[in-house]
């Protein structure tokens, strides 16, 4: 469908500290080394995030980091949703009119 807007989502399980998982996942999604990202502590307290996210499945923390909405679940699941929309088209570039 021409002109549709799509947002990219990334899902991942983690068993390291939640703060480390967030930085690694965003860096991976962006295709850059973690050191190229803004410090996580400019957005959220990493120690508090790690303390909140334990094996308790009822915990669900959501915040904005870099260009993503980050959702960290207590059972070790991480979701990233890009806040940058991309336009999806189904137009065949070879079918351009002369």
N, C-alpha and C. Protein backbone atom coordinates (compact mmCIF):
# COMPACT_ATOMS: atom_id res chain seq x y z
N UNK A 1 0.84 -1.18 0.00
CA UNK A 1 0.00 0.00 0.00
C UNK A 1 0.88 1.24 0.00
N UNK A 2 0.70 2.03 -0.95
CA UNK A 2 1.53 3.21 -1.11
C UNK A 2 1.23 4.24 -0.01
N UNK A 3 2.30 4.76 0.60
CA UNK A 3 2.14 5.81 1.59
C UNK A 3 1.85 5.34 3.00
N UNK A 4 1.77 4.03 3.24
CA UNK A 4 1.54 3.54 4.59
C UNK A 4 2.77 3.86 5.45
N UNK A 5 2.53 4.10 6.73
CA UNK A 5 3.61 4.39 7.65
C UNK A 5 3.84 3.16 8.51
N UNK A 6 5.10 2.80 8.65
CA UNK A 6 5.45 1.61 9.41
C UNK A 6 6.48 1.98 10.46
N UNK A 7 6.32 1.44 11.66
CA UNK A 7 7.30 1.63 12.71
C UNK A 7 7.95 0.28 12.99
N UNK A 8 9.26 0.27 13.08
CA UNK A 8 9.99 -0.97 13.30
C UNK A 8 9.96 -1.34 14.78
N UNK A 9 9.76 -2.63 15.05
CA UNK A 9 9.79 -3.14 16.41
C UNK A 9 10.86 -4.22 16.51
N UNK A 10 11.49 -4.29 17.66
CA UNK A 10 12.51 -5.30 17.93
C UNK A 10 12.15 -5.95 19.26
N UNK A 11 12.28 -7.27 19.32
CA UNK A 11 12.00 -8.01 20.54
C UNK A 11 13.23 -8.83 20.89
N UNK A 12 13.46 -8.97 22.17
CA UNK A 12 14.66 -9.71 22.59
C UNK A 12 14.49 -10.18 24.03
N UNK A 13 15.03 -11.33 24.33
CA UNK A 13 15.11 -11.83 25.71
C UNK A 13 16.50 -11.50 26.23
N UNK A 14 16.59 -11.30 27.54
CA UNK A 14 17.90 -11.00 28.11
C UNK A 14 18.04 -11.67 29.46
N UNK A 15 19.29 -11.93 29.82
CA UNK A 15 19.55 -12.47 31.15
C UNK A 15 20.65 -11.68 31.87
N UNK A 16 21.09 -10.58 31.25
CA UNK A 16 22.02 -9.67 31.91
C UNK A 16 21.23 -8.56 32.60
N UNK A 17 21.92 -7.61 33.16
CA UNK A 17 21.24 -6.46 33.78
C UNK A 17 20.36 -5.77 32.75
N UNK A 18 19.20 -5.33 33.15
CA UNK A 18 18.25 -4.68 32.24
C UNK A 18 18.88 -3.46 31.56
N UNK A 19 19.63 -2.68 32.30
CA UNK A 19 20.25 -1.48 31.72
C UNK A 19 21.23 -1.85 30.61
N UNK A 20 21.99 -2.89 30.81
CA UNK A 20 22.93 -3.37 29.79
C UNK A 20 22.17 -3.88 28.57
N UNK A 21 21.09 -4.60 28.81
CA UNK A 21 20.28 -5.15 27.71
C UNK A 21 19.68 -4.03 26.87
N UNK A 22 19.23 -2.96 27.50
CA UNK A 22 18.64 -1.84 26.77
C UNK A 22 19.68 -1.19 25.86
N UNK A 23 20.82 -0.88 26.40
CA UNK A 23 21.87 -0.22 25.60
C UNK A 23 22.32 -1.13 24.46
N UNK A 24 22.53 -2.41 24.75
CA UNK A 24 22.96 -3.35 23.71
C UNK A 24 21.91 -3.49 22.61
N UNK A 25 20.64 -3.56 23.00
CA UNK A 25 19.57 -3.73 22.01
C UNK A 25 19.42 -2.50 21.13
N UNK A 26 19.49 -1.31 21.70
CA UNK A 26 19.37 -0.09 20.91
C UNK A 26 20.58 0.06 19.99
N UNK A 27 21.76 -0.22 20.50
CA UNK A 27 22.96 -0.15 19.67
C UNK A 27 22.86 -1.12 18.50
N UNK A 28 22.39 -2.32 18.77
CA UNK A 28 22.23 -3.32 17.72
C UNK A 28 21.21 -2.86 16.68
N UNK A 29 20.09 -2.34 17.15
CA UNK A 29 19.05 -1.86 16.23
C UNK A 29 19.54 -0.71 15.36
N UNK A 30 20.40 0.12 15.92
CA UNK A 30 20.95 1.27 15.19
C UNK A 30 22.19 0.91 14.37
N UNK A 31 22.77 -0.26 14.64
CA UNK A 31 23.97 -0.67 13.92
C UNK A 31 25.21 0.12 14.32
N UNK A 32 25.27 0.51 15.60
CA UNK A 32 26.41 1.27 16.11
C UNK A 32 26.92 0.63 17.39
N UNK A 33 28.16 0.89 17.77
CA UNK A 33 28.64 0.40 19.06
C UNK A 33 27.93 1.14 20.21
N UNK A 34 27.73 0.47 21.33
CA UNK A 34 27.04 1.11 22.47
C UNK A 34 27.63 2.45 22.88
N UNK A 35 28.92 2.61 22.75
CA UNK A 35 29.55 3.88 23.17
C UNK A 35 29.11 5.08 22.33
N UNK A 36 28.51 4.84 21.17
CA UNK A 36 28.04 5.92 20.29
C UNK A 36 26.67 6.46 20.71
N UNK A 37 26.00 5.76 21.64
CA UNK A 37 24.68 6.20 22.11
C UNK A 37 24.83 7.22 23.23
N UNK A 38 23.76 7.98 23.42
CA UNK A 38 23.71 8.87 24.59
C UNK A 38 23.75 8.00 25.85
N UNK A 39 24.35 8.49 26.92
CA UNK A 39 24.35 7.69 28.15
C UNK A 39 22.93 7.40 28.62
N UNK A 40 22.68 6.17 29.00
CA UNK A 40 21.35 5.77 29.46
C UNK A 40 20.93 6.61 30.67
N UNK A 41 21.89 6.97 31.53
CA UNK A 41 21.54 7.73 32.73
C UNK A 41 21.00 9.13 32.43
N UNK A 42 21.16 9.60 31.18
CA UNK A 42 20.52 10.86 30.80
C UNK A 42 19.02 10.70 30.63
N UNK A 43 18.56 9.45 30.52
CA UNK A 43 17.14 9.16 30.31
C UNK A 43 16.50 8.53 31.53
N UNK A 44 17.18 7.57 32.12
CA UNK A 44 16.64 6.82 33.26
C UNK A 44 17.80 6.37 34.14
N UNK A 45 17.55 6.24 35.41
CA UNK A 45 18.60 5.78 36.33
C UNK A 45 18.83 4.29 36.10
N UNK A 46 19.99 3.90 35.56
CA UNK A 46 20.25 2.49 35.27
C UNK A 46 20.16 1.59 36.51
N UNK A 47 20.64 2.08 37.66
CA UNK A 47 20.59 1.27 38.88
C UNK A 47 19.14 1.03 39.31
N UNK A 48 18.31 2.06 39.19
CA UNK A 48 16.90 1.91 39.54
C UNK A 48 16.21 0.94 38.58
N UNK A 49 16.53 1.03 37.28
CA UNK A 49 15.97 0.11 36.30
C UNK A 49 16.35 -1.32 36.64
N UNK A 50 17.62 -1.55 36.93
CA UNK A 50 18.08 -2.90 37.28
C UNK A 50 17.41 -3.41 38.54
N UNK A 51 17.19 -2.53 39.51
CA UNK A 51 16.54 -2.93 40.76
C UNK A 51 15.07 -3.27 40.55
N UNK A 52 14.41 -2.54 39.65
CA UNK A 52 12.99 -2.78 39.38
C UNK A 52 12.75 -4.06 38.59
N UNK A 53 13.62 -4.30 37.63
CA UNK A 53 13.42 -5.43 36.72
C UNK A 53 14.12 -6.65 37.29
N UNK A 54 13.33 -7.50 37.87
CA UNK A 54 13.82 -8.75 38.44
C UNK A 54 13.09 -9.88 37.73
N UNK A 55 12.94 -11.00 38.36
CA UNK A 55 12.20 -12.11 37.76
C UNK A 55 10.70 -11.97 37.95
N UNK A 56 10.25 -10.84 38.48
CA UNK A 56 8.83 -10.61 38.72
C UNK A 56 8.14 -10.24 37.41
N UNK A 57 7.31 -11.13 36.93
CA UNK A 57 6.63 -10.91 35.64
C UNK A 57 5.67 -9.74 35.66
N UNK A 58 5.29 -9.25 36.84
CA UNK A 58 4.33 -8.15 36.90
C UNK A 58 4.98 -6.79 36.64
N UNK A 59 6.31 -6.74 36.59
CA UNK A 59 7.01 -5.48 36.35
C UNK A 59 7.03 -5.18 34.86
N UNK A 60 6.71 -3.94 34.53
CA UNK A 60 6.70 -3.50 33.14
C UNK A 60 7.11 -2.02 33.15
N UNK A 61 8.32 -1.74 32.65
CA UNK A 61 8.85 -0.38 32.66
C UNK A 61 8.92 0.12 31.22
N UNK A 62 8.41 1.31 30.98
CA UNK A 62 8.40 1.89 29.62
C UNK A 62 9.00 3.29 29.68
N UNK A 63 9.88 3.58 28.73
CA UNK A 63 10.50 4.91 28.64
C UNK A 63 11.02 5.13 27.23
N UNK A 64 11.39 6.38 26.93
CA UNK A 64 11.94 6.75 25.63
C UNK A 64 13.46 6.83 25.77
N UNK A 65 14.16 6.22 24.81
CA UNK A 65 15.63 6.27 24.78
C UNK A 65 16.09 6.30 23.34
N UNK A 66 16.94 7.26 23.04
CA UNK A 66 17.36 7.49 21.66
C UNK A 66 16.10 7.69 20.83
N UNK A 67 15.90 6.95 19.77
CA UNK A 67 14.71 7.11 18.91
C UNK A 67 13.74 5.97 19.11
N UNK A 68 13.70 5.40 20.33
CA UNK A 68 12.88 4.22 20.60
C UNK A 68 12.02 4.39 21.84
N UNK A 69 10.87 3.75 21.81
CA UNK A 69 10.11 3.51 23.02
C UNK A 69 10.60 2.15 23.50
N UNK A 70 11.11 2.12 24.72
CA UNK A 70 11.67 0.90 25.30
C UNK A 70 10.69 0.36 26.32
N UNK A 71 10.42 -0.92 26.25
CA UNK A 71 9.56 -1.57 27.23
C UNK A 71 10.30 -2.77 27.78
N UNK A 72 10.56 -2.76 29.08
CA UNK A 72 11.30 -3.83 29.74
C UNK A 72 10.33 -4.57 30.66
N UNK A 73 10.23 -5.87 30.45
CA UNK A 73 9.35 -6.71 31.25
C UNK A 73 10.18 -7.45 32.29
N UNK A 74 9.59 -7.68 33.44
CA UNK A 74 10.29 -8.31 34.55
C UNK A 74 10.81 -9.70 34.29
N UNK A 75 10.17 -10.43 33.39
CA UNK A 75 10.61 -11.80 33.15
C UNK A 75 11.76 -11.89 32.15
N UNK A 76 12.38 -10.76 31.83
CA UNK A 76 13.56 -10.78 30.96
C UNK A 76 13.24 -10.62 29.49
N UNK A 77 12.24 -9.82 29.18
CA UNK A 77 11.88 -9.56 27.79
C UNK A 77 11.96 -8.07 27.54
N UNK A 78 12.49 -7.71 26.39
CA UNK A 78 12.71 -6.32 26.03
C UNK A 78 12.07 -6.07 24.67
N UNK A 79 11.37 -4.96 24.55
CA UNK A 79 10.77 -4.56 23.28
C UNK A 79 11.25 -3.15 22.95
N UNK A 80 11.61 -2.95 21.70
CA UNK A 80 11.95 -1.63 21.21
C UNK A 80 11.00 -1.30 20.08
N UNK A 81 10.45 -0.12 20.10
CA UNK A 81 9.65 0.33 18.97
C UNK A 81 10.24 1.66 18.51
N UNK A 82 10.60 1.69 17.25
CA UNK A 82 11.18 2.90 16.68
C UNK A 82 10.14 4.02 16.69
N UNK A 83 10.58 5.19 17.09
CA UNK A 83 9.71 6.36 17.06
C UNK A 83 9.87 7.14 15.76
N UNK A 84 10.64 6.58 14.84
CA UNK A 84 10.84 7.19 13.54
C UNK A 84 10.04 6.38 12.53
N UNK A 85 9.06 7.01 11.94
CA UNK A 85 8.22 6.32 10.97
C UNK A 85 8.90 6.29 9.61
N UNK A 86 8.72 5.18 8.91
CA UNK A 86 9.20 5.07 7.55
C UNK A 86 8.00 4.88 6.64
N UNK A 87 8.09 5.39 5.46
CA UNK A 87 7.00 5.26 4.50
C UNK A 87 7.19 3.99 3.68
N UNK A 88 6.16 3.20 3.61
CA UNK A 88 6.19 1.96 2.85
C UNK A 88 5.43 2.18 1.56
N UNK A 89 6.07 1.87 0.45
CA UNK A 89 5.40 2.02 -0.83
C UNK A 89 5.44 0.70 -1.58
N UNK A 90 4.47 0.50 -2.45
CA UNK A 90 4.46 -0.68 -3.29
C UNK A 90 4.64 -0.31 -4.75
N UNK A 91 5.21 0.86 -4.97
CA UNK A 91 5.42 1.34 -6.32
C UNK A 91 6.65 0.70 -6.92
N UNK A 92 6.54 0.20 -8.12
CA UNK A 92 7.64 -0.39 -8.86
C UNK A 92 8.40 0.74 -9.54
N UNK A 93 9.67 1.01 -9.14
CA UNK A 93 10.40 2.14 -9.73
C UNK A 93 10.61 1.97 -11.24
N UNK A 94 10.60 0.76 -11.73
CA UNK A 94 10.79 0.55 -13.17
C UNK A 94 9.55 0.89 -13.97
N UNK A 95 8.41 1.12 -13.28
CA UNK A 95 7.14 1.40 -13.96
C UNK A 95 6.88 2.90 -14.06
N UNK A 96 7.92 3.72 -13.87
CA UNK A 96 7.73 5.17 -13.95
C UNK A 96 7.33 5.57 -15.35
N UNK A 97 6.41 6.51 -15.43
CA UNK A 97 5.92 6.94 -16.75
C UNK A 97 6.92 7.87 -17.40
N UNK A 98 6.98 7.82 -18.71
CA UNK A 98 7.92 8.66 -19.48
C UNK A 98 7.30 9.99 -19.77
